[in-house]
Amino acid sequence: KTENQGRGLGLLLLDHLMKRAYQLNARECFLELRDSNRPAYRLYENYGFNEIGRRRDYYPAVGGREDAVVMACTLFE
């Protein structure tokens, strides 16, 4: 855990980006993360993202490969 984790900075950044995307007429956002990145998964899930798919063995990882999790969120004003 880095010194900045758990301070709400990710949520602030995500909120800013999502609002800006809406202003630019985006109505859905997609993202991808490593399956092992559970703190990020929880952040995105709490924000309203849903898992919509996986890319099996997408990332190199210690001892093999790791799935990429694909998530999506509908934007609201």
N, C-alpha and C. Protein backbone atom coordinates (compact mmCIF):
# COMPACT_ATOMS: atom_id res chain seq x y z
N LYS A 1 0.85 -1.19 0.00
CA LYS A 1 0.00 0.00 0.00
C LYS A 1 0.89 1.24 0.00
N THR A 2 0.62 2.15 -0.94
CA THR A 2 1.42 3.37 -0.99
C THR A 2 0.87 4.41 -0.02
N GLU A 3 1.63 5.47 0.19
CA GLU A 3 1.22 6.50 1.15
C GLU A 3 -0.06 7.22 0.73
N ASN A 4 -0.40 7.20 -0.55
CA ASN A 4 -1.60 7.90 -1.02
C ASN A 4 -2.84 7.02 -1.11
N GLN A 5 -2.69 5.71 -0.96
CA GLN A 5 -3.85 4.83 -1.03
C GLN A 5 -4.73 5.04 0.19
N GLY A 6 -6.04 4.98 -0.03
CA GLY A 6 -6.98 5.09 1.07
C GLY A 6 -7.30 6.52 1.48
N ARG A 7 -6.86 7.50 0.71
CA ARG A 7 -7.10 8.90 1.06
C ARG A 7 -8.22 9.53 0.24
N GLY A 8 -8.84 8.76 -0.62
CA GLY A 8 -9.95 9.27 -1.41
C GLY A 8 -9.55 9.97 -2.70
N LEU A 9 -8.27 9.93 -3.03
CA LEU A 9 -7.81 10.61 -4.25
C LEU A 9 -8.33 9.93 -5.51
N GLY A 10 -8.39 8.62 -5.50
CA GLY A 10 -8.91 7.89 -6.65
C GLY A 10 -10.36 8.24 -6.93
N LEU A 11 -11.15 8.34 -5.87
CA LEU A 11 -12.56 8.69 -6.02
C LEU A 11 -12.71 10.11 -6.56
N LEU A 12 -11.91 11.04 -6.06
CA LEU A 12 -11.96 12.42 -6.55
C LEU A 12 -11.62 12.49 -8.04
N LEU A 13 -10.58 11.79 -8.43
CA LEU A 13 -10.17 11.77 -9.83
C LEU A 13 -11.23 11.11 -10.70
N LEU A 14 -11.74 9.97 -10.26
CA LEU A 14 -12.77 9.27 -11.01
C LEU A 14 -14.01 10.14 -11.17
N ASP A 15 -14.44 10.78 -10.10
CA ASP A 15 -15.62 11.64 -10.16
C ASP A 15 -15.41 12.79 -11.15
N HIS A 16 -14.25 13.40 -11.11
CA HIS A 16 -13.95 14.49 -12.05
C HIS A 16 -13.98 14.00 -13.50
N LEU A 17 -13.33 12.87 -13.75
CA LEU A 17 -13.29 12.34 -15.11
C LEU A 17 -14.67 11.95 -15.63
N MET A 18 -15.48 11.36 -14.77
CA MET A 18 -16.81 10.93 -15.19
C MET A 18 -17.70 12.14 -15.48
N LYS A 19 -17.61 13.18 -14.66
CA LYS A 19 -18.40 14.39 -14.91
C LYS A 19 -17.96 15.06 -16.20
N ARG A 20 -16.66 15.09 -16.43
CA ARG A 20 -16.15 15.70 -17.66
C ARG A 20 -16.57 14.89 -18.89
N ALA A 21 -16.54 13.58 -18.78
CA ALA A 21 -16.99 12.73 -19.88
C ALA A 21 -18.45 13.01 -20.21
N TYR A 22 -19.28 13.18 -19.18
CA TYR A 22 -20.70 13.48 -19.40
C TYR A 22 -20.85 14.83 -20.10
N GLN A 23 -20.07 15.82 -19.68
CA GLN A 23 -20.12 17.14 -20.32
C GLN A 23 -19.76 17.05 -21.80
N LEU A 24 -18.93 16.10 -22.14
CA LEU A 24 -18.52 15.91 -23.53
C LEU A 24 -19.44 14.94 -24.28
N ASN A 25 -20.62 14.69 -23.69
CA ASN A 25 -21.69 13.87 -24.28
C ASN A 25 -21.44 12.37 -24.27
N ALA A 26 -20.50 11.92 -23.48
CA ALA A 26 -20.35 10.47 -23.29
C ALA A 26 -21.49 10.00 -22.40
N ARG A 27 -22.00 8.85 -22.66
CA ARG A 27 -23.09 8.31 -21.84
C ARG A 27 -22.75 6.95 -21.23
N GLU A 28 -21.57 6.45 -21.57
CA GLU A 28 -21.12 5.20 -20.99
C GLU A 28 -19.60 5.21 -20.96
N CYS A 29 -19.04 4.68 -19.88
CA CYS A 29 -17.59 4.59 -19.76
C CYS A 29 -17.20 3.14 -19.53
N PHE A 30 -16.05 2.79 -20.06
CA PHE A 30 -15.50 1.45 -19.92
C PHE A 30 -14.11 1.56 -19.32
N LEU A 31 -13.72 0.54 -18.59
CA LEU A 31 -12.37 0.48 -18.07
C LEU A 31 -11.95 -0.97 -17.93
N GLU A 32 -10.67 -1.13 -17.70
CA GLU A 32 -10.09 -2.47 -17.57
C GLU A 32 -9.07 -2.43 -16.46
N LEU A 33 -9.03 -3.48 -15.66
CA LEU A 33 -8.06 -3.56 -14.58
C LEU A 33 -7.64 -5.00 -14.36
N ARG A 34 -6.52 -5.15 -13.69
CA ARG A 34 -6.05 -6.50 -13.33
C ARG A 34 -7.01 -7.12 -12.32
N ASP A 35 -7.23 -8.40 -12.44
CA ASP A 35 -8.10 -9.11 -11.51
C ASP A 35 -7.60 -8.99 -10.07
N SER A 36 -6.31 -8.88 -9.88
CA SER A 36 -5.75 -8.81 -8.53
C SER A 36 -5.89 -7.43 -7.89
N ASN A 37 -6.32 -6.44 -8.64
CA ASN A 37 -6.42 -5.08 -8.10
C ASN A 37 -7.77 -4.88 -7.42
N ARG A 38 -7.96 -5.56 -6.29
CA ARG A 38 -9.25 -5.53 -5.59
C ARG A 38 -9.62 -4.16 -5.05
N PRO A 39 -8.68 -3.35 -4.54
CA PRO A 39 -9.08 -2.01 -4.10
C PRO A 39 -9.68 -1.18 -5.23
N ALA A 40 -9.08 -1.25 -6.41
CA ALA A 40 -9.63 -0.51 -7.56
C ALA A 40 -10.99 -1.09 -7.96
N TYR A 41 -11.12 -2.41 -7.94
CA TYR A 41 -12.39 -3.05 -8.30
C TYR A 41 -13.50 -2.53 -7.38
N ARG A 42 -13.23 -2.49 -6.08
CA ARG A 42 -14.23 -2.00 -5.12
C ARG A 42 -14.58 -0.54 -5.37
N LEU A 43 -13.56 0.28 -5.66
CA LEU A 43 -13.80 1.69 -5.96
C LEU A 43 -14.73 1.84 -7.15
N TYR A 44 -14.42 1.15 -8.23
CA TYR A 44 -15.25 1.26 -9.44
C TYR A 44 -16.65 0.69 -9.21
N GLU A 45 -16.73 -0.42 -8.51
CA GLU A 45 -18.03 -1.02 -8.22
C GLU A 45 -18.89 -0.08 -7.38
N ASN A 46 -18.29 0.53 -6.37
CA ASN A 46 -19.03 1.47 -5.52
C ASN A 46 -19.47 2.71 -6.30
N TYR A 47 -18.75 3.05 -7.33
CA TYR A 47 -19.09 4.21 -8.16
C TYR A 47 -20.22 3.89 -9.14
N GLY A 48 -20.47 2.62 -9.38
CA GLY A 48 -21.55 2.23 -10.28
C GLY A 48 -21.13 1.41 -11.48
N PHE A 49 -19.84 1.06 -11.55
CA PHE A 49 -19.37 0.21 -12.63
C PHE A 49 -19.80 -1.23 -12.37
N ASN A 50 -20.08 -1.95 -13.44
CA ASN A 50 -20.41 -3.37 -13.38
C ASN A 50 -19.43 -4.14 -14.24
N GLU A 51 -19.09 -5.33 -13.78
CA GLU A 51 -18.22 -6.19 -14.57
C GLU A 51 -19.00 -6.71 -15.76
N ILE A 52 -18.46 -6.51 -16.96
CA ILE A 52 -19.16 -6.95 -18.17
C ILE A 52 -18.39 -8.01 -18.93
N GLY A 53 -17.19 -8.32 -18.49
CA GLY A 53 -16.43 -9.35 -19.17
C GLY A 53 -15.02 -9.47 -18.62
N ARG A 54 -14.31 -10.45 -19.17
CA ARG A 54 -12.92 -10.70 -18.78
C ARG A 54 -12.12 -11.05 -20.01
N ARG A 55 -10.87 -10.68 -19.95
CA ARG A 55 -9.91 -11.10 -20.97
C ARG A 55 -8.97 -12.09 -20.29
N ARG A 56 -9.17 -13.33 -20.56
CA ARG A 56 -8.41 -14.40 -19.90
C ARG A 56 -6.92 -14.29 -20.19
N ASP A 57 -6.15 -14.43 -19.12
CA ASP A 57 -4.68 -14.46 -19.23
C ASP A 57 -4.12 -13.25 -19.99
N TYR A 58 -4.69 -12.10 -19.79
CA TYR A 58 -4.33 -10.91 -20.56
C TYR A 58 -3.00 -10.28 -20.11
N TYR A 59 -2.79 -10.19 -18.80
CA TYR A 59 -1.59 -9.54 -18.29
C TYR A 59 -0.54 -10.56 -17.88
N PRO A 60 0.74 -10.25 -18.11
CA PRO A 60 1.79 -11.09 -17.53
C PRO A 60 1.78 -10.90 -16.02
N ALA A 61 2.04 -11.96 -15.29
CA ALA A 61 2.05 -11.90 -13.83
C ALA A 61 3.12 -12.84 -13.31
N VAL A 62 3.50 -12.64 -12.07
CA VAL A 62 4.47 -13.53 -11.45
C VAL A 62 3.89 -14.94 -11.47
N GLY A 63 4.61 -15.85 -12.04
CA GLY A 63 4.16 -17.24 -12.09
C GLY A 63 3.15 -17.53 -13.19
N GLY A 64 2.97 -16.64 -14.14
CA GLY A 64 2.04 -16.94 -15.23
C GLY A 64 1.37 -15.73 -15.81
N ARG A 65 0.05 -15.80 -15.91
CA ARG A 65 -0.74 -14.73 -16.51
C ARG A 65 -1.89 -14.37 -15.58
N GLU A 66 -2.51 -13.22 -15.84
CA GLU A 66 -3.61 -12.74 -15.01
C GLU A 66 -4.71 -12.18 -15.89
N ASP A 67 -5.96 -12.40 -15.48
CA ASP A 67 -7.10 -11.89 -16.24
C ASP A 67 -7.20 -10.37 -16.16
N ALA A 68 -7.73 -9.78 -17.22
CA ALA A 68 -8.16 -8.38 -17.20
C ALA A 68 -9.66 -8.38 -16.97
N VAL A 69 -10.13 -7.54 -16.08
CA VAL A 69 -11.55 -7.39 -15.81
C VAL A 69 -12.03 -6.16 -16.57
N VAL A 70 -13.09 -6.30 -17.35
CA VAL A 70 -13.66 -5.20 -18.10
C VAL A 70 -14.93 -4.76 -17.38
N MET A 71 -15.03 -3.44 -17.12
CA MET A 71 -16.17 -2.89 -16.41
C MET A 71 -16.77 -1.74 -17.21
N ALA A 72 -18.06 -1.48 -16.98
CA ALA A 72 -18.75 -0.39 -17.67
C ALA A 72 -19.68 0.32 -16.69
N CYS A 73 -19.94 1.60 -17.00
CA CYS A 73 -20.83 2.40 -16.17
C CYS A 73 -21.61 3.35 -17.07
N THR A 74 -22.91 3.43 -16.86
CA THR A 74 -23.74 4.41 -17.56
C THR A 74 -23.62 5.73 -16.83
N LEU A 75 -23.44 6.81 -17.58
CA LEU A 75 -23.26 8.13 -16.98
C LEU A 75 -24.60 8.84 -16.83
N PHE A 76 -24.79 9.46 -15.68
CA PHE A 76 -25.99 10.25 -15.40
C PHE A 76 -25.56 11.64 -14.97
N GLU A 77 -26.42 12.61 -15.20
CA GLU A 77 -26.10 13.98 -14.82
C GLU A 77 -26.07 14.14 -13.32
